């Protein structure tokens, strides 16, 4: 009787736990009008998200000479208008273009982040309390630099799919009444909200990428090809278990001795036993199989009768 060590569902659950990073990107397609098309590229978003986060964290810490922590707060698909309204008017907005696709994206830096960055760059420490409402010229320059750091991380994340270049178009405040986004309000974007921590102070960076860019740039996943990670780990687990070496113990028949005979035993004495017939195959003292003892080609062997 053959029994799988792990079912497909169990292996998939293990893989899901190992790849989990606060945001369930597998559920993104439920928030889009065309789930079938979204599934063709959302498989890559988890890796892209993680690379942007880790590279940005490293480079921001180097720039500001202060250890900062970057975490993914949320990731989703939504219209541009919803993303902008959710951030409020206390941020700077950097519009950029991705080449060669000519698709646009937006990077938002909130004022708490700008204030912390200015303080640290000019030799101060982490500031606590209220922040300014408008960025000023220095704030706009810092926002462009932060955007360049995030976009450089994004190009690294996309390297396996092709070359991506970016061009900054303009930087302004979200409170600007003449705000021209370069994207229509109803245009779908994939947006990631990062929480950036300066000690216990939390600030926010928001990254928006035109959905059309993802659709055109990331190769469609071949439905006829199995997911490499799942197949690789499933086979690795089965192979490791199948090739493992375990000790097998055979329980011989019980022996009855008189106490007088037992006390008179000395080295070299032979204790006669009856020919073993029914035996049990055990693993760590746990009986697994019932077997019959015998002999084949001058070797003592056992024949498995049934599983216990």
C-alpha atoms as a PDB file:
ATOM      1  CA  UNK A   1       0.000   0.000   0.000  1.00  0.00           C
ATOM      2  CA  UNK A   2       1.442   3.386  -1.052  1.00  0.00           C
ATOM      3  CA  UNK A   3       0.781   6.440   1.084  1.00  0.00           C
ATOM      4  CA  UNK A   4       1.929   9.977   0.227  1.00  0.00           C
ATOM      5  CA  UNK A   5       4.055  11.606   2.893  1.00  0.00           C
ATOM      6  CA  UNK A   6       2.482  15.016   2.195  1.00  0.00           C
ATOM      7  CA  UNK A   7      -0.586  15.774   0.127  1.00  0.00           C
ATOM      8  CA  UNK A   8      -0.502  18.464  -2.544  1.00  0.00           C
ATOM      9  CA  UNK A   9      -2.634  20.689  -0.339  1.00  0.00           C
ATOM     10  CA  UNK A  10      -0.215  20.318   2.584  1.00  0.00           C
ATOM     11  CA  UNK A  11       2.812  21.177   0.445  1.00  0.00           C
ATOM     12  CA  UNK A  12       1.025  24.194  -1.015  1.00  0.00           C
ATOM     13  CA  UNK A  13       0.191  25.394   2.492  1.00  0.00           C
ATOM     14  CA  UNK A  14       3.855  25.126   3.511  1.00  0.00           C
ATOM     15  CA  UNK A  15       4.902  27.099   0.439  1.00  0.00           C
ATOM     16  CA  UNK A  16       2.342  29.789   1.140  1.00  0.00           C
ATOM     17  CA  UNK A  17       3.579  30.261   4.705  1.00  0.00           C
ATOM     18  CA  UNK A  18       7.223  30.448   3.599  1.00  0.00           C
ATOM     19  CA  UNK A  19       6.496  33.071   0.956  1.00  0.00           C
ATOM     20  CA  UNK A  20       4.122  35.172   3.026  1.00  0.00           C
ATOM     21  CA  UNK A  21       5.210  38.785   3.616  1.00  0.00           C
ATOM     22  CA  UNK A  22       2.359  40.674   5.317  1.00  0.00           C
ATOM     23  CA  UNK A  23       0.445  41.167   2.026  1.00  0.00           C
ATOM     24  CA  UNK A  24      -1.479  38.419   0.242  1.00  0.00           C
ATOM     25  CA  UNK A  25      -0.714  39.347  -3.348  1.00  0.00           C
ATOM     26  CA  UNK A  26      -2.531  36.255  -4.556  1.00  0.00           C
ATOM     27  CA  UNK A  27      -5.821  37.993  -3.804  1.00  0.00           C
ATOM     28  CA  UNK A  28      -5.135  41.041  -5.949  1.00  0.00           C
ATOM     29  CA  UNK A  29      -7.066  39.771  -8.946  1.00  0.00           C
ATOM     30  CA  UNK A  30     -10.336  39.889  -6.993  1.00  0.00           C
ATOM     31  CA  UNK A  31     -10.217  43.694  -7.062  1.00  0.00           C
ATOM     32  CA  UNK A  32      -9.873  44.048 -10.812  1.00  0.00           C
ATOM     33  CA  UNK A  33     -12.397  44.011 -13.631  1.00  0.00           C
ATOM     34  CA  UNK A  34     -10.571  41.318 -15.605  1.00  0.00           C
ATOM     35  CA  UNK A  35      -9.214  38.659 -13.217  1.00  0.00           C
ATOM     36  CA  UNK A  36      -8.212  36.318 -16.047  1.00  0.00           C
ATOM     37  CA  UNK A  37      -5.744  38.826 -17.469  1.00  0.00           C
ATOM     38  CA  UNK A  38      -4.426  39.877 -14.074  1.00  0.00           C
ATOM     39  CA  UNK A  39      -3.463  36.327 -13.196  1.00  0.00           C
ATOM     40  CA  UNK A  40      -1.007  36.397 -16.090  1.00  0.00           C
ATOM     41  CA  UNK A  41       1.377  38.703 -14.245  1.00  0.00           C
ATOM     42  CA  UNK A  42       0.458  38.879 -10.552  1.00  0.00           C
ATOM     43  CA  UNK A  43       2.657  35.831  -9.946  1.00  0.00           C
ATOM     44  CA  UNK A  44       5.675  38.190 -10.276  1.00  0.00           C
ATOM     45  CA  UNK A  45       4.444  41.021  -8.051  1.00  0.00           C
ATOM     46  CA  UNK A  46       5.481  39.409  -4.779  1.00  0.00           C
ATOM     47  CA  UNK A  47       9.155  39.252  -5.793  1.00  0.00           C
ATOM     48  CA  UNK A  48       9.075  42.760  -7.287  1.00  0.00           C
ATOM     49  CA  UNK A  49       7.459  44.165  -4.156  1.00  0.00           C
ATOM     50  CA  UNK A  50       9.996  42.519  -1.860  1.00  0.00           C
ATOM     51  CA  UNK A  51      13.002  43.665  -3.912  1.00  0.00           C
ATOM     52  CA  UNK A  52      11.787  47.277  -4.009  1.00  0.00           C
ATOM     53  CA  UNK A  53      11.230  47.197  -0.248  1.00  0.00           C
ATOM     54  CA  UNK A  54      14.591  45.679   0.722  1.00  0.00           C
ATOM     55  CA  UNK A  55      16.699  47.715  -1.724  1.00  0.00           C
ATOM     56  CA  UNK A  56      14.934  50.947  -0.754  1.00  0.00           C
ATOM     57  CA  UNK A  57      15.484  50.212   2.933  1.00  0.00           C
ATOM     58  CA  UNK A  58      19.211  49.677   2.363  1.00  0.00           C
ATOM     59  CA  UNK A  59      19.721  52.763   0.188  1.00  0.00           C
ATOM     60  CA  UNK A  60      17.570  55.072   2.312  1.00  0.00           C
ATOM     61  CA  UNK A  61      19.552  54.079   5.397  1.00  0.00           C
ATOM     62  CA  UNK A  62      22.790  54.858   3.546  1.00  0.00           C
ATOM     63  CA  UNK A  63      21.527  58.230   2.290  1.00  0.00           C
ATOM     64  CA  UNK A  64      20.127  59.438   5.621  1.00  0.00           C
ATOM     65  CA  UNK A  65      22.893  57.844   7.746  1.00  0.00           C
ATOM     66  CA  UNK A  66      20.162  56.436   9.943  1.00  0.00           C
ATOM     67  CA  UNK A  67      18.780  52.921  10.193  1.00  0.00           C
ATOM     68  CA  UNK A  68      15.270  52.994   8.767  1.00  0.00           C
ATOM     69  CA  UNK A  69      12.813  50.118   8.495  1.00  0.00           C
ATOM     70  CA  UNK A  70      10.626  49.741   5.408  1.00  0.00           C
ATOM     71  CA  UNK A  71       7.560  47.498   5.542  1.00  0.00           C
ATOM     72  CA  UNK A  72       4.816  46.816   3.026  1.00  0.00           C
ATOM     73  CA  UNK A  73       1.605  48.261   4.418  1.00  0.00           C
ATOM     74  CA  UNK A  74      -0.713  47.396   1.523  1.00  0.00           C
ATOM     75  CA  UNK A  75      -0.664  46.489  -2.159  1.00  0.00           C
ATOM     76  CA  UNK A  76      -3.599  46.537  -4.536  1.00  0.00           C
ATOM     77  CA  UNK A  77      -5.092  47.567  -7.875  1.00  0.00           C
ATOM     78  CA  UNK A  78      -7.249  50.690  -8.003  1.00  0.00           C
ATOM     79  CA  UNK A  79      -8.008  53.759 -10.163  1.00  0.00           C
ATOM     80  CA  UNK A  80      -5.585  56.691  -9.947  1.00  0.00           C
ATOM     81  CA  UNK A  81      -8.216  58.967  -8.428  1.00  0.00           C
ATOM     82  CA  UNK A  82      -8.793  56.585  -5.503  1.00  0.00           C
ATOM     83  CA  UNK A  83      -5.067  56.345  -4.753  1.00  0.00           C
ATOM     84  CA  UNK A  84      -4.540  60.126  -4.779  1.00  0.00           C
ATOM     85  CA  UNK A  85      -7.571  60.834  -2.613  1.00  0.00           C
ATOM     86  CA  UNK A  86      -6.452  58.216  -0.083  1.00  0.00           C
ATOM     87  CA  UNK A  87      -3.096  59.975   0.439  1.00  0.00           C
ATOM     88  CA  UNK A  88      -4.590  63.420   1.125  1.00  0.00           C
ATOM     89  CA  UNK A  89      -2.960  66.756   0.267  1.00  0.00           C
ATOM     90  CA  UNK A  90      -0.020  66.562   2.685  1.00  0.00           C
ATOM     91  CA  UNK A  91       2.428  64.910   0.268  1.00  0.00           C
ATOM     92  CA  UNK A  92       4.661  65.574  -2.696  1.00  0.00           C
ATOM     93  CA  UNK A  93       3.959  63.904  -6.020  1.00  0.00           C
ATOM     94  CA  UNK A  94       6.641  62.842  -8.512  1.00  0.00           C
ATOM     95  CA  UNK A  95       5.392  61.897 -11.980  1.00  0.00           C
ATOM     96  CA  UNK A  96       7.715  59.604 -13.938  1.00  0.00           C
ATOM     97  CA  UNK A  97       7.726  57.787 -17.263  1.00  0.00           C
ATOM     98  CA  UNK A  98       8.973  54.238 -17.784  1.00  0.00           C
ATOM     99  CA  UNK A  99      10.944  53.537 -20.920  1.00  0.00           C
ATOM    100  CA  UNK A 100      10.716  52.087 -23.494  1.00  0.00           C
ATOM    101  CA  UNK A 101       7.039  51.409 -22.759  1.00  0.00           C
ATOM    102  CA  UNK A 102       6.133  55.115 -22.419  1.00  0.00           C
ATOM    103  CA  UNK A 103       3.857  54.218 -19.503  1.00  0.00           C
ATOM    104  CA  UNK A 104       3.553  56.561 -16.516  1.00  0.00           C
ATOM    105  CA  UNK A 105       3.791  56.119 -12.802  1.00  0.00           C
ATOM    106  CA  UNK A 106       3.525  58.247  -9.647  1.00  0.00           C
ATOM    107  CA  UNK A 107       5.562  58.303  -6.466  1.00  0.00           C
ATOM    108  CA  UNK A 108       4.153  60.007  -3.353  1.00  0.00           C
ATOM    109  CA  UNK A 109       6.247  61.118  -0.366  1.00  0.00           C
ATOM    110  CA  UNK A 110       4.344  62.311   2.694  1.00  0.00           C
ATOM    111  CA  UNK A 111       5.440  65.397   4.634  1.00  0.00           C
ATOM    112  CA  UNK A 112       6.397  63.479   7.812  1.00  0.00           C
ATOM    113  CA  UNK A 113       8.992  61.584   5.753  1.00  0.00           C
ATOM    114  CA  UNK A 114      10.315  64.791   4.162  1.00  0.00           C
ATOM    115  CA  UNK A 115      10.698  66.474   7.554  1.00  0.00           C
ATOM    116  CA  UNK A 116      12.589  63.493   8.975  1.00  0.00           C
ATOM    117  CA  UNK A 117      14.826  63.361   5.893  1.00  0.00           C
ATOM    118  CA  UNK A 118      15.656  67.101   6.085  1.00  0.00           C
ATOM    119  CA  UNK A 119      16.503  66.826   9.782  1.00  0.00           C
ATOM    120  CA  UNK A 120      18.783  63.830   9.283  1.00  0.00           C
ATOM    121  CA  UNK A 121      20.507  65.204   6.171  1.00  0.00           C
ATOM    122  CA  UNK A 122      21.365  68.437   7.972  1.00  0.00           C
ATOM    123  CA  UNK A 123      22.767  66.731  11.055  1.00  0.00           C
ATOM    124  CA  UNK A 124      19.678  66.563  13.258  1.00  0.00           C
ATOM    125  CA  UNK A 125      17.918  63.621  14.846  1.00  0.00           C
ATOM    126  CA  UNK A 126      14.511  62.010  14.544  1.00  0.00           C
ATOM    127  CA  UNK A 127      11.859  64.701  14.970  1.00  0.00           C
ATOM    128  CA  UNK A 128       8.657  64.112  16.904  1.00  0.00           C
ATOM    129  CA  UNK A 129       5.568  66.272  16.756  1.00  0.00           C
ATOM    130  CA  UNK A 130       3.679  68.065  14.011  1.00  0.00           C
ATOM    131  CA  UNK A 131       5.090  68.438  10.510  1.00  0.00           C
ATOM    132  CA  UNK A 132       4.882  71.193   7.909  1.00  0.00           C
ATOM    133  CA  UNK A 133       2.004  71.238   5.440  1.00  0.00           C
ATOM    134  CA  UNK A 134       3.992  72.254   2.324  1.00  0.00           C
ATOM    135  CA  UNK A 135       7.292  70.752   1.125  1.00  0.00           C
ATOM    136  CA  UNK A 136       9.211  73.828  -0.084  1.00  0.00           C
ATOM    137  CA  UNK A 137      12.041  73.639  -2.623  1.00  0.00           C
ATOM    138  CA  UNK A 138      14.245  71.427  -0.441  1.00  0.00           C
ATOM    139  CA  UNK A 139      11.347  69.062   0.149  1.00  0.00           C
ATOM    140  CA  UNK A 140      10.727  68.746  -3.592  1.00  0.00           C
ATOM    141  CA  UNK A 141      14.408  67.985  -4.251  1.00  0.00           C
ATOM    142  CA  UNK A 142      14.434  65.341  -1.514  1.00  0.00           C
ATOM    143  CA  UNK A 143      11.267  63.786  -2.969  1.00  0.00           C
ATOM    144  CA  UNK A 144      12.962  63.443  -6.353  1.00  0.00           C
ATOM    145  CA  UNK A 145      15.975  61.760  -4.758  1.00  0.00           C
ATOM    146  CA  UNK A 146      13.772  59.331  -2.818  1.00  0.00           C
ATOM    147  CA  UNK A 147      11.861  58.550  -6.021  1.00  0.00           C
ATOM    148  CA  UNK A 148      15.131  57.803  -7.835  1.00  0.00           C
ATOM    149  CA  UNK A 149      16.102  55.372  -5.074  1.00  0.00           C
ATOM    150  CA  UNK A 150      12.760  53.546  -5.283  1.00  0.00           C
ATOM    151  CA  UNK A 151      12.789  53.446  -9.105  1.00  0.00           C
ATOM    152  CA  UNK A 152      16.354  52.121  -9.161  1.00  0.00           C
ATOM    153  CA  UNK A 153      15.185  49.305  -6.876  1.00  0.00           C
ATOM    154  CA  UNK A 154      12.228  48.742  -9.202  1.00  0.00           C
ATOM    155  CA  UNK A 155      14.487  48.380 -12.266  1.00  0.00           C
ATOM    156  CA  UNK A 156      16.559  45.813 -10.359  1.00  0.00           C
ATOM    157  CA  UNK A 157      13.415  43.901  -9.444  1.00  0.00           C
ATOM    158  CA  UNK A 158      12.313  43.813 -13.095  1.00  0.00           C
ATOM    159  CA  UNK A 159      15.734  42.841 -14.490  1.00  0.00           C
ATOM    160  CA  UNK A 160      14.751  39.216 -15.129  1.00  0.00           C
ATOM    161  CA  UNK A 161      11.893  40.338 -17.382  1.00  0.00           C
ATOM    162  CA  UNK A 162      13.759  43.017 -19.337  1.00  0.00           C
ATOM    163  CA  UNK A 163      15.410  46.415 -19.122  1.00  0.00           C
ATOM    164  CA  UNK A 164      13.471  49.292 -17.592  1.00  0.00           C
ATOM    165  CA  UNK A 165      14.544  52.924 -17.589  1.00  0.00           C
ATOM    166  CA  UNK A 166      12.750  55.862 -16.037  1.00  0.00           C
ATOM    167  CA  UNK A 167      12.511  59.570 -16.627  1.00  0.00           C
ATOM    168  CA  UNK A 168      11.251  62.023 -13.985  1.00  0.00           C
ATOM    169  CA  UNK A 169       8.675  64.364 -15.527  1.00  0.00           C
ATOM    170  CA  UNK A 170       7.741  66.745 -12.720  1.00  0.00           C
ATOM    171  CA  UNK A 171       7.567  67.116  -8.959  1.00  0.00           C
ATOM    172  CA  UNK A 172       4.829  69.022  -7.186  1.00  0.00           C
ATOM    173  CA  UNK A 173       2.626  69.061  -4.104  1.00  0.00           C
ATOM    174  CA  UNK A 174      -0.612  67.083  -4.011  1.00  0.00           C
ATOM    175  CA  UNK A 175      -2.280  70.292  -2.808  1.00  0.00           C
ATOM    176  CA  UNK A 176      -1.517  71.933  -6.176  1.00  0.00           C
ATOM    177  CA  UNK A 177      -4.916  72.901  -7.677  1.00  0.00           C
ATOM    178  CA  UNK A 178      -3.522  72.551 -11.217  1.00  0.00           C
ATOM    179  CA  UNK A 179      -2.291  69.017 -10.667  1.00  0.00           C
ATOM    180  CA  UNK A 180      -1.782  67.182 -13.973  1.00  0.00           C
ATOM    181  CA  UNK A 181      -1.029  63.531 -13.348  1.00  0.00           C
ATOM    182  CA  UNK A 182      -0.300  62.366 -16.874  1.00  0.00           C
ATOM    183  CA  UNK A 183      -2.735  59.548 -16.110  1.00  0.00           C
ATOM    184  CA  UNK A 184      -6.496  59.660 -16.446  1.00  0.00           C
ATOM    185  CA  UNK A 185      -8.395  59.528 -13.111  1.00  0.00           C
ATOM    186  CA  UNK A 186      -9.989  56.196 -14.025  1.00  0.00           C
ATOM    187  CA  UNK A 187      -6.771  54.555 -15.222  1.00  0.00           C
ATOM    188  CA  UNK A 188      -5.903  51.411 -13.287  1.00  0.00           C
ATOM    189  CA  UNK A 189      -2.632  51.340 -11.375  1.00  0.00           C
ATOM    190  CA  UNK A 190      -0.911  48.877  -9.119  1.00  0.00           C
ATOM    191  CA  UNK A 191      -0.042  50.776  -5.965  1.00  0.00           C
ATOM    192  CA  UNK A 192       2.144  49.777  -3.034  1.00  0.00           C
ATOM    193  CA  UNK A 193       2.053  51.664   0.255  1.00  0.00           C
ATOM    194  CA  UNK A 194       5.285  51.390   2.242  1.00  0.00           C
ATOM    195  CA  UNK A 195       5.548  52.292   5.916  1.00  0.00           C
ATOM    196  CA  UNK A 196       8.962  53.792   6.688  1.00  0.00           C
ATOM    197  CA  UNK A 197       9.938  53.837  10.365  1.00  0.00           C
ATOM    198  CA  UNK A 198      12.418  56.259  11.926  1.00  0.00           C
ATOM    199  CA  UNK A 199      12.687  54.638  15.359  1.00  0.00           C
ATOM    200  CA  UNK A 200       9.027  54.603  16.464  1.00  0.00           C
ATOM    201  CA  UNK A 201       7.954  57.394  14.061  1.00  0.00           C
ATOM    202  CA  UNK A 202       6.016  56.047  11.066  1.00  0.00           C
ATOM    203  CA  UNK A 203       5.988  57.785   7.667  1.00  0.00           C
ATOM    204  CA  UNK A 204       4.616  56.733   4.292  1.00  0.00           C
ATOM    205  CA  UNK A 205       5.808  56.287   0.709  1.00  0.00           C
ATOM    206  CA  UNK A 206       3.346  55.315  -2.032  1.00  0.00           C
ATOM    207  CA  UNK A 207       4.419  53.764  -5.350  1.00  0.00           C
ATOM    208  CA  UNK A 208       1.964  53.679  -8.289  1.00  0.00           C
ATOM    209  CA  UNK A 209       2.654  51.890 -11.574  1.00  0.00           C
ATOM    210  CA  UNK A 210       0.384  51.901 -14.617  1.00  0.00           C
ATOM    211  CA  UNK A 211      -1.366  48.544 -14.819  1.00  0.00           C
ATOM    212  CA  UNK A 212      -0.859  48.511 -18.572  1.00  0.00           C
ATOM    213  CA  UNK A 213       2.903  48.496 -18.042  1.00  0.00           C
ATOM    214  CA  UNK A 214       2.706  45.279 -16.008  1.00  0.00           C
ATOM    215  CA  UNK A 215       0.443  43.678 -18.578  1.00  0.00           C
ATOM    216  CA  UNK A 216       2.815  44.452 -21.457  1.00  0.00           C
ATOM    217  CA  UNK A 217       6.171  44.057 -19.706  1.00  0.00           C
ATOM    218  CA  UNK A 218       5.894  40.938 -17.534  1.00  0.00           C
ATOM    219  CA  UNK A 219       5.587  37.746 -19.625  1.00  0.00           C
ATOM    220  CA  UNK A 220       2.263  35.970 -19.438  1.00  0.00           C
ATOM    221  CA  UNK A 221       2.532  32.876 -17.310  1.00  0.00           C
ATOM    222  CA  UNK A 222       2.085  29.743 -19.411  1.00  0.00           C
ATOM    223  CA  UNK A 223      -0.941  27.913 -17.968  1.00  0.00           C
ATOM    224  CA  UNK A 224       0.403  24.636 -19.308  1.00  0.00           C
ATOM    225  CA  UNK A 225       3.629  24.964 -17.333  1.00  0.00           C
ATOM    226  CA  UNK A 226       3.595  24.010 -13.692  1.00  0.00           C
ATOM    227  CA  UNK A 227       4.812  26.497 -11.133  1.00  0.00           C
ATOM    228  CA  UNK A 228       8.493  25.751 -10.609  1.00  0.00           C
ATOM    229  CA  UNK A 229       8.571  26.510  -6.889  1.00  0.00           C
ATOM    230  CA  UNK A 230       5.688  24.204  -6.041  1.00  0.00           C
ATOM    231  CA  UNK A 231       6.959  21.310  -8.155  1.00  0.00           C
ATOM    232  CA  UNK A 232      10.551  21.747  -7.032  1.00  0.00           C
ATOM    233  CA  UNK A 233       9.796  21.725  -3.316  1.00  0.00           C
ATOM    234  CA  UNK A 234       7.171  19.005  -3.534  1.00  0.00           C
ATOM    235  CA  UNK A 235       9.577  16.675  -5.321  1.00  0.00           C
ATOM    236  CA  UNK A 236      12.442  17.662  -3.010  1.00  0.00           C
ATOM    237  CA  UNK A 237      10.385  16.805   0.072  1.00  0.00           C
ATOM    238  CA  UNK A 238       9.275  13.455  -1.345  1.00  0.00           C
ATOM    239  CA  UNK A 239      12.824  12.581  -2.463  1.00  0.00           C
ATOM    240  CA  UNK A 240      14.332  13.454   0.888  1.00  0.00           C
ATOM    241  CA  UNK A 241      11.796  11.296   2.728  1.00  0.00           C
ATOM    242  CA  UNK A 242      12.096   8.396   0.281  1.00  0.00           C
ATOM    243  CA  UNK A 243      15.906   8.385   0.536  1.00  0.00           C
ATOM    244  CA  UNK A 244      16.018   8.609   4.319  1.00  0.00           C
ATOM    245  CA  UNK A 245      17.538   5.682   6.235  1.00  0.00           C
ATOM    246  CA  UNK A 246      15.650   4.307   9.235  1.00  0.00           C
ATOM    247  CA  UNK A 247      16.448   1.478  11.628  1.00  0.00           C
ATOM    248  CA  UNK A 248      14.157  -1.554  11.624  1.00  0.00           C
ATOM    249  CA  UNK A 249      13.807  -3.646  14.786  1.00  0.00           C
ATOM    250  CA  UNK A 250      12.429  -7.189  14.792  1.00  0.00           C
ATOM    251  CA  UNK A 251      10.859  -8.454  18.001  1.00  0.00           C
ATOM    252  CA  UNK A 252      11.729 -12.113  18.673  1.00  0.00           C
ATOM    253  CA  UNK A 253       9.548 -14.536  20.656  1.00  0.00           C
ATOM    254  CA  UNK A 254       9.517 -14.215  24.435  1.00  0.00           C
ATOM    255  CA  UNK A 255      11.869 -16.508  26.416  1.00  0.00           C
ATOM    256  CA  UNK A 256      10.933 -18.143  29.729  1.00  0.00           C
ATOM    257  CA  UNK A 257      13.734 -18.905  32.209  1.00  0.00           C
ATOM    258  CA  UNK A 258      13.663 -20.083  35.808  1.00  0.00           C
ATOM    259  CA  UNK A 259      15.081 -17.612  38.292  1.00  0.00           C
ATOM    260  CA  UNK A 260      17.719 -20.180  39.360  1.00  0.00           C
ATOM    261  CA  UNK A 261      18.885 -20.614  35.757  1.00  0.00           C
ATOM    262  CA  UNK A 262      18.881 -16.873  35.161  1.00  0.00           C
ATOM    263  CA  UNK A 263      21.092 -16.221  38.209  1.00  0.00           C
ATOM    264  CA  UNK A 264      23.572 -18.875  37.083  1.00  0.00           C
ATOM    265  CA  UNK A 265      24.137 -17.282  33.644  1.00  0.00           C
ATOM    266  CA  UNK A 266      27.749 -16.395  32.806  1.00  0.00           C
ATOM    267  CA  UNK A 267      29.582 -15.069  29.713  1.00  0.00           C
ATOM    268  CA  UNK A 268      29.483 -17.574  26.873  1.00  0.00           C
ATOM    269  CA  UNK A 269      26.253 -19.299  27.883  1.00  0.00           C
ATOM    270  CA  UNK A 270      23.780 -19.991  25.101  1.00  0.00           C
ATOM    271  CA  UNK A 271      20.092 -19.376  25.642  1.00  0.00           C
ATOM    272  CA  UNK A 272      17.973 -21.590  23.405  1.00  0.00           C
ATOM    273  CA  UNK A 273      15.024 -19.982  21.673  1.00  0.00           C
ATOM    274  CA  UNK A 274      12.291 -21.467  19.588  1.00  0.00           C
ATOM    275  CA  UNK A 275      12.236 -20.904  15.852  1.00  0.00           C
ATOM    276  CA  UNK A 276      10.712 -17.424  15.413  1.00  0.00           C
ATOM    277  CA  UNK A 277       7.608 -17.451  13.313  1.00  0.00           C
ATOM    278  CA  UNK A 278       5.413 -14.425  13.931  1.00  0.00           C
ATOM    279  CA  UNK A 279       7.409 -11.204  14.331  1.00  0.00           C
ATOM    280  CA  UNK A 280       6.685  -7.480  14.336  1.00  0.00           C
ATOM    281  CA  UNK A 281       8.587  -4.813  12.397  1.00  0.00           C
ATOM    282  CA  UNK A 282       8.926  -1.728  14.587  1.00  0.00           C
ATOM    283  CA  UNK A 283      10.104   1.847  14.155  1.00  0.00           C
ATOM    284  CA  UNK A 284      11.197   3.474  17.415  1.00  0.00           C
ATOM    285  CA  UNK A 285       9.343   0.745  19.356  1.00  0.00           C
ATOM    286  CA  UNK A 286       6.180   1.446  17.372  1.00  0.00           C
ATOM    287  CA  UNK A 287       4.802  -1.671  15.696  1.00  0.00           C
ATOM    288  CA  UNK A 288       4.210  -0.995  12.004  1.00  0.00           C
ATOM    289  CA  UNK A 289       3.979  -4.393  10.282  1.00  0.00           C
ATOM    290  CA  UNK A 290       3.196  -8.007  11.179  1.00  0.00           C
ATOM    291  CA  UNK A 291       5.630 -10.409   9.480  1.00  0.00           C
ATOM    292  CA  UNK A 292       6.689 -14.066   9.232  1.00  0.00           C
ATOM    293  CA  UNK A 293      10.313 -15.071   9.897  1.00  0.00           C
ATOM    294  CA  UNK A 294      12.069 -17.566   7.655  1.00  0.00           C
ATOM    295  CA  UNK A 295      15.184 -18.323   5.620  1.00  0.00           C
ATOM    296  CA  UNK A 296      16.130 -17.619   2.005  1.00  0.00           C
ATOM    297  CA  UNK A 297      19.492 -18.403   0.387  1.00  0.00           C
ATOM    298  CA  UNK A 298      21.086 -19.097   3.785  1.00  0.00           C
ATOM    299  CA  UNK A 299      19.952 -15.716   5.091  1.00  0.00           C
ATOM    300  CA  UNK A 300      17.407 -15.094   7.812  1.00  0.00           C
ATOM    301  CA  UNK A 301      14.590 -12.998   6.348  1.00  0.00           C
ATOM    302  CA  UNK A 302      11.114 -11.843   7.213  1.00  0.00           C
ATOM    303  CA  UNK A 303       8.063 -11.645   5.009  1.00  0.00           C
ATOM    304  CA  UNK A 304       5.681  -8.723   5.578  1.00  0.00           C
ATOM    305  CA  UNK A 305       2.179 -10.064   6.092  1.00  0.00           C
ATOM    306  CA  UNK A 306       0.175  -6.904   6.690  1.00  0.00           C
ATOM    307  CA  UNK A 307       0.305  -3.380   8.069  1.00  0.00           C
ATOM    308  CA  UNK A 308      -0.802  -2.856  11.657  1.00  0.00           C
END
